[in-house]
Structures are given as structure tokens and as C-alpha cells.
């Protein structure tokens, strides 16, 4: 799988699913979208279904993760973590394919 969830990220995903009253079979979709100041940005969404032919699917720490094949190429080797500190709180992407990112860290180039 192109994206690996840390245990901490998986726990936060489960907490968010619970707070949004998601059904037990809800999936976490990780994607790359065009946009942002550097060209691409990350997407995280809860979805009900995946396309078996177009998506890669894994279960990591109890969370079912789906990634479309086009995004998977740009996310290969990426770790999705969750940071909680005084300076910031939220999901972080460690993507070894990024050659440049913007100052806010939300968009990138490969």
C-alpha cells in the first residue's frame, strides 16, 4: 500500500468517525488533489464505497484505507501520522516523493 497509517493516526481517525457518527463500514479515502500554491494537496475523506478496479484497499490498525491508483503513485512510501502539540494539531504527511512544499505544508510538488 502506498500510504501507511501510524497507530496514533488510526486512533484519531477512529475518534473522528465516532464523533461524526460514521457507520462501522466507513472507509478512509486518502487522495492527491490538484491545487494549492505548490500544485498538489492531500485529501482525507470518509466514504461508504470504493471501486475495486480503481482503488487500492488495506486495513491498518483497524481502519480501512482506500487510495485511488493515480494518487497511489504520488503517495508511494507516505506515512500519515497525527501530531498533537502546542504549536499545531492535525494529520501530517511524510511523503518521500515531495521535492518542494509550501510554507503551510498543505500543498506540494513531486
Protein backbone atom coordinates (compact mmCIF):
# COMPACT_ATOMS: atom_id res chain seq x y z
CA UNK A 1 0.00 0.00 0.00
CA UNK A 2 1.26 3.43 -0.87
CA UNK A 3 0.12 5.06 2.42
CA UNK A 4 0.90 3.74 5.88
CA UNK A 5 -1.12 4.93 8.90
CA UNK A 6 0.63 5.23 12.22
CA UNK A 7 -1.19 3.84 15.23
CA UNK A 8 -1.73 7.39 16.51
CA UNK A 9 -3.28 8.49 13.19
CA UNK A 10 -5.54 5.43 13.16
CA UNK A 11 -6.77 6.21 16.68
CA UNK A 12 -7.57 9.78 15.64
CA UNK A 13 -9.41 8.54 12.52
CA UNK A 14 -11.49 6.22 14.72
CA UNK A 15 -12.23 9.09 17.11
CA UNK A 16 -13.32 11.32 14.20
CA UNK A 17 -15.50 8.54 12.78
CA UNK A 18 -17.18 8.17 16.14
CA UNK A 19 -17.76 11.92 16.54
CA UNK A 20 -19.29 12.09 13.03
CA UNK A 21 -21.47 9.04 13.77
CA UNK A 22 -19.99 7.11 10.85
CA UNK A 23 -21.21 3.59 10.23
CA UNK A 24 -18.79 0.76 11.10
CA UNK A 25 -18.04 0.00 7.42
CA UNK A 26 -16.92 3.59 6.65
CA UNK A 27 -13.64 3.87 4.75
CA UNK A 28 -10.88 6.49 4.95
CA UNK A 29 -10.04 7.77 1.46
CA UNK A 30 -6.56 9.29 1.10
CA UNK A 31 -6.01 11.15 -2.16
CA UNK A 32 -3.98 13.74 -4.01
CA UNK A 33 -5.89 16.66 -5.49
CA UNK A 34 -4.77 19.32 -7.92
CA UNK A 35 -4.50 22.72 -6.28
CA UNK A 36 -2.80 24.64 -3.54
CA UNK A 37 0.08 27.02 -4.04
CA UNK A 38 2.53 24.22 -4.96
CA UNK A 39 0.38 22.22 -7.39
CA UNK A 40 -0.97 19.29 -5.34
CA UNK A 41 -2.67 18.91 -1.99
CA UNK A 42 -3.65 15.98 0.18
CA UNK A 43 -7.24 14.86 0.65
CA UNK A 44 -8.76 12.90 3.53
CA UNK A 45 -12.44 11.91 3.36
CA UNK A 46 -14.78 9.37 4.85
CA UNK A 47 -16.55 7.33 2.17
CA UNK A 48 -19.02 4.46 2.07
CA UNK A 49 -17.73 2.64 -1.02
CA UNK A 50 -14.63 2.05 -3.07
CA UNK A 51 -14.08 0.95 -6.64
CA UNK A 52 -12.37 -2.46 -6.60
CA UNK A 53 -10.82 -1.80 -10.03
CA UNK A 54 -9.64 1.75 -9.40
CA UNK A 55 -8.71 1.69 -5.70
CA UNK A 56 -6.12 0.02 -3.51
CA UNK A 57 -7.54 -1.04 -0.15
CA UNK A 58 -5.90 -2.12 3.12
CA UNK A 59 -6.83 -2.39 6.76
CA UNK A 60 -4.34 -0.70 9.08
CA UNK A 61 -4.75 -0.60 12.88
CA UNK A 62 -8.47 -1.29 12.44
CA UNK A 63 -9.04 1.43 9.80
CA UNK A 64 -9.86 0.53 6.19
CA UNK A 65 -7.84 2.84 3.93
CA UNK A 66 -8.54 3.32 0.21
CA UNK A 67 -6.35 5.16 -2.29
CA UNK A 68 -7.10 5.58 -5.98
CA UNK A 69 -4.33 4.26 -8.24
CA UNK A 70 -3.43 7.69 -9.64
CA UNK A 71 -2.94 9.14 -6.15
CA UNK A 72 -1.09 5.99 -5.07
CA UNK A 73 1.74 6.77 -7.49
CA UNK A 74 2.28 10.20 -5.86
CA UNK A 75 1.86 8.82 -2.33
CA UNK A 76 4.15 5.79 -2.59
CA UNK A 77 6.02 5.42 0.71
CA UNK A 78 3.98 8.09 2.51
CA UNK A 79 3.29 7.88 6.24
CA UNK A 80 0.16 9.50 7.61
CA UNK A 81 0.61 10.50 11.25
CA UNK A 82 -1.22 12.66 13.75
CA UNK A 83 0.56 15.45 15.63
CA UNK A 84 -0.82 16.98 18.78
CA UNK A 85 1.17 19.73 20.41
CA UNK A 86 1.14 23.35 21.48
CA UNK A 87 2.29 24.55 18.07
CA UNK A 88 -0.14 22.56 15.92
CA UNK A 89 -2.64 19.75 15.91
CA UNK A 90 -3.64 17.61 12.97
CA UNK A 91 -2.71 14.98 10.44
CA UNK A 92 0.73 15.13 8.88
CA UNK A 93 2.01 13.51 5.70
CA UNK A 94 5.61 12.35 5.39
CA UNK A 95 5.90 11.87 1.64
CA UNK A 96 9.37 10.91 0.33
CA UNK A 97 8.36 11.95 -3.21
CA UNK A 98 7.91 15.64 -2.37
CA UNK A 99 10.56 17.91 -3.88
CA UNK A 100 9.05 21.16 -2.62
CA UNK A 101 6.16 22.20 -0.41
CA UNK A 102 4.58 25.48 0.54
CA UNK A 103 5.14 27.19 3.86
CA UNK A 104 1.89 25.91 5.38
CA UNK A 105 2.74 22.31 4.42
CA UNK A 106 -0.65 21.67 2.84
CA UNK A 107 0.44 21.62 -0.79
CA UNK A 108 3.44 20.09 -2.53
CA UNK A 109 5.27 19.29 -5.77
CA UNK A 110 6.68 15.95 -6.88
